[in-house]
Amino acid sequence: MSMLVVYVARLVPLWKERYDVVDAIMEARREERTLSVDRLVEERTKIDSDINVLGVKERGFDPKAVEIVGRETMETPKQREKRVRFNLVLDLYRKDLAENA
């Protein structure tokens, strides 16, 4: 098993937890629950620290690329299909612009 697979497997649960906390922060802000927001921001900071402890960059991986790959592993089949379709259109636009530049 490659190191990348190991890191992504360790990061995905943390990212999922972080996304849930960020959603809860936005909801608490909408409902003006200040104490909840403060507690959730602290929780998000702890998760961010846990993510940084894994040292993706120090291991020679590009953090943004690892995050994108990890996000893609969390997609549902419908989300994946939508992303693939969008990327096809995006590639067509890029190709057209490159040919006419």
C-alpha atoms as a PDB file:
ATOM      1  CA  MET A   1       0.000   0.000   0.000  1.00  0.00           C
ATOM      2  CA  SER A   2       1.426   3.395  -0.979  1.00  0.00           C
ATOM      3  CA  MET A   3       2.046   6.181   1.523  1.00  0.00           C
ATOM      4  CA  LEU A   4      -0.494   8.338  -0.299  1.00  0.00           C
ATOM      5  CA  VAL A   5      -3.224   5.737   0.256  1.00  0.00           C
ATOM      6  CA  VAL A   6      -2.319   5.587   3.942  1.00  0.00           C
ATOM      7  CA  TYR A   7      -2.427   9.369   4.351  1.00  0.00           C
ATOM      8  CA  VAL A   8      -5.692   9.807   2.492  1.00  0.00           C
ATOM      9  CA  ALA A   9      -7.264   7.001   4.534  1.00  0.00           C
ATOM     10  CA  ARG A  10      -6.223   8.813   7.724  1.00  0.00           C
ATOM     11  CA  LEU A  11      -7.264  12.251   6.468  1.00  0.00           C
ATOM     12  CA  VAL A  12     -10.719  11.467   5.049  1.00  0.00           C
ATOM     13  CA  PRO A  13     -12.413  10.972   8.450  1.00  0.00           C
ATOM     14  CA  LEU A  14     -10.856  14.214   9.693  1.00  0.00           C
ATOM     15  CA  TRP A  15     -12.016  16.105   6.605  1.00  0.00           C
ATOM     16  CA  LYS A  16     -15.534  14.705   6.957  1.00  0.00           C
ATOM     17  CA  GLU A  17     -15.601  15.761  10.595  1.00  0.00           C
ATOM     18  CA  ARG A  18     -14.282  19.217   9.643  1.00  0.00           C
ATOM     19  CA  TYR A  19     -16.957  19.685   6.950  1.00  0.00           C
ATOM     20  CA  ASP A  20     -19.646  18.745   9.496  1.00  0.00           C
ATOM     21  CA  VAL A  21     -18.248  21.250  12.007  1.00  0.00           C
ATOM     22  CA  VAL A  22     -18.063  24.023   9.389  1.00  0.00           C
ATOM     23  CA  ASP A  23     -21.707  23.349   8.466  1.00  0.00           C
ATOM     24  CA  ALA A  24     -22.656  23.496  12.150  1.00  0.00           C
ATOM     25  CA  ILE A  25     -20.775  26.800  12.537  1.00  0.00           C
ATOM     26  CA  MET A  26     -22.708  28.344   9.647  1.00  0.00           C
ATOM     27  CA  GLU A  27     -26.004  27.116  11.101  1.00  0.00           C
ATOM     28  CA  ALA A  28     -25.127  28.447  14.575  1.00  0.00           C
ATOM     29  CA  ARG A  29     -24.210  31.826  13.081  1.00  0.00           C
ATOM     30  CA  ARG A  30     -27.525  31.988  11.202  1.00  0.00           C
ATOM     31  CA  GLU A  31     -29.331  31.272  14.458  1.00  0.00           C
ATOM     32  CA  GLU A  32     -27.060  33.711  16.343  1.00  0.00           C
ATOM     33  CA  ARG A  33     -25.909  31.117  18.887  1.00  0.00           C
ATOM     34  CA  THR A  34     -22.623  32.786  19.888  1.00  0.00           C
ATOM     35  CA  LEU A  35     -21.548  30.221  22.491  1.00  0.00           C
ATOM     36  CA  SER A  36     -22.086  27.394  20.038  1.00  0.00           C
ATOM     37  CA  VAL A  37     -20.071  29.209  17.378  1.00  0.00           C
ATOM     38  CA  ASP A  38     -17.160  29.719  19.777  1.00  0.00           C
ATOM     39  CA  ARG A  39     -17.171  26.056  20.819  1.00  0.00           C
ATOM     40  CA  LEU A  40     -17.421  24.862  17.209  1.00  0.00           C
ATOM     41  CA  VAL A  41     -14.595  27.147  16.071  1.00  0.00           C
ATOM     42  CA  GLU A  42     -12.401  25.639  18.806  1.00  0.00           C
ATOM     43  CA  GLU A  43     -13.373  22.167  17.603  1.00  0.00           C
ATOM     44  CA  ARG A  44     -12.524  23.102  14.002  1.00  0.00           C
ATOM     45  CA  THR A  45      -9.143  24.432  15.142  1.00  0.00           C
ATOM     46  CA  LYS A  46      -8.420  21.129  16.909  1.00  0.00           C
ATOM     47  CA  ILE A  47      -9.332  19.160  13.775  1.00  0.00           C
ATOM     48  CA  ASP A  48      -7.114  21.433  11.669  1.00  0.00           C
ATOM     49  CA  SER A  49      -4.289  20.771  14.107  1.00  0.00           C
ATOM     50  CA  ASP A  50      -4.866  17.011  13.823  1.00  0.00           C
ATOM     51  CA  ILE A  51      -4.743  17.305  10.037  1.00  0.00           C
ATOM     52  CA  ASN A  52      -1.503  19.296  10.174  1.00  0.00           C
ATOM     53  CA  VAL A  53       0.083  16.786  12.567  1.00  0.00           C
ATOM     54  CA  LEU A  54      -0.085  14.155   9.851  1.00  0.00           C
ATOM     55  CA  GLY A  55       2.541  16.203   8.024  1.00  0.00           C
ATOM     56  CA  VAL A  56       1.456  15.653   4.440  1.00  0.00           C
ATOM     57  CA  LYS A  57       3.748  18.393   3.125  1.00  0.00           C
ATOM     58  CA  GLU A  58       6.699  17.171   5.176  1.00  0.00           C
ATOM     59  CA  ARG A  59       6.282  13.725   3.596  1.00  0.00           C
ATOM     60  CA  GLY A  60       6.705  15.227   0.132  1.00  0.00           C
ATOM     61  CA  PHE A  61       3.061  15.403  -0.915  1.00  0.00           C
ATOM     62  CA  ASP A  62       1.356  18.514  -2.264  1.00  0.00           C
ATOM     63  CA  PRO A  63      -1.292  19.349   0.386  1.00  0.00           C
ATOM     64  CA  LYS A  64      -3.800  20.810  -2.095  1.00  0.00           C
ATOM     65  CA  ALA A  65      -3.512  17.795  -4.394  1.00  0.00           C
ATOM     66  CA  VAL A  66      -3.936  15.397  -1.466  1.00  0.00           C
ATOM     67  CA  GLU A  67      -7.005  17.323  -0.323  1.00  0.00           C
ATOM     68  CA  ILE A  68      -8.542  17.190  -3.802  1.00  0.00           C
ATOM     69  CA  VAL A  69      -7.907  13.455  -4.090  1.00  0.00           C
ATOM     70  CA  GLY A  70      -9.321  12.950  -0.601  1.00  0.00           C
ATOM     71  CA  ARG A  71     -12.399  15.028  -1.392  1.00  0.00           C
ATOM     72  CA  GLU A  72     -12.951  12.928  -4.502  1.00  0.00           C
ATOM     73  CA  THR A  73     -12.826   9.731  -2.429  1.00  0.00           C
ATOM     74  CA  MET A  74     -15.648  11.119  -0.269  1.00  0.00           C
ATOM     75  CA  GLU A  75     -17.945  11.772  -3.244  1.00  0.00           C
ATOM     76  CA  THR A  76     -21.136   9.883  -3.801  1.00  0.00           C
ATOM     77  CA  PRO A  77     -21.516   8.269  -7.239  1.00  0.00           C
ATOM     78  CA  LYS A  78     -23.873  11.081  -8.268  1.00  0.00           C
ATOM     79  CA  GLN A  79     -21.401  13.760  -7.149  1.00  0.00           C
ATOM     80  CA  ARG A  80     -18.590  11.967  -8.974  1.00  0.00           C
ATOM     81  CA  GLU A  81     -20.639  11.791 -12.179  1.00  0.00           C
ATOM     82  CA  LYS A  82     -21.442  15.496 -11.946  1.00  0.00           C
ATOM     83  CA  ARG A  83     -17.747  16.379 -11.390  1.00  0.00           C
ATOM     84  CA  VAL A  84     -16.598  14.193 -14.300  1.00  0.00           C
ATOM     85  CA  ARG A  85     -19.174  15.772 -16.604  1.00  0.00           C
ATOM     86  CA  PHE A  86     -18.127  19.258 -15.539  1.00  0.00           C
ATOM     87  CA  ASN A  87     -14.433  18.442 -16.073  1.00  0.00           C
ATOM     88  CA  LEU A  88     -15.192  17.206 -19.601  1.00  0.00           C
ATOM     89  CA  VAL A  89     -16.845  20.513 -20.460  1.00  0.00           C
ATOM     90  CA  LEU A  90     -14.020  22.424 -18.811  1.00  0.00           C
ATOM     91  CA  ASP A  91     -11.429  20.484 -20.830  1.00  0.00           C
ATOM     92  CA  LEU A  92     -13.323  21.239 -24.048  1.00  0.00           C
ATOM     93  CA  TYR A  93     -13.314  24.956 -23.244  1.00  0.00           C
ATOM     94  CA  ARG A  94      -9.600  24.896 -22.425  1.00  0.00           C
ATOM     95  CA  LYS A  95      -8.810  23.026 -25.635  1.00  0.00           C
ATOM     96  CA  ASP A  96     -10.851  25.490 -27.703  1.00  0.00           C
ATOM     97  CA  LEU A  97      -9.139  28.460 -26.082  1.00  0.00           C
ATOM     98  CA  ALA A  98      -5.683  26.934 -26.620  1.00  0.00           C
ATOM     99  CA  GLU A  99      -6.396  26.301 -30.312  1.00  0.00           C
ATOM    100  CA  ASN A 100      -7.621  29.862 -30.844  1.00  0.00           C
ATOM    101  CA  ALA A 101      -4.989  31.677 -28.789  1.00  0.00           C
END
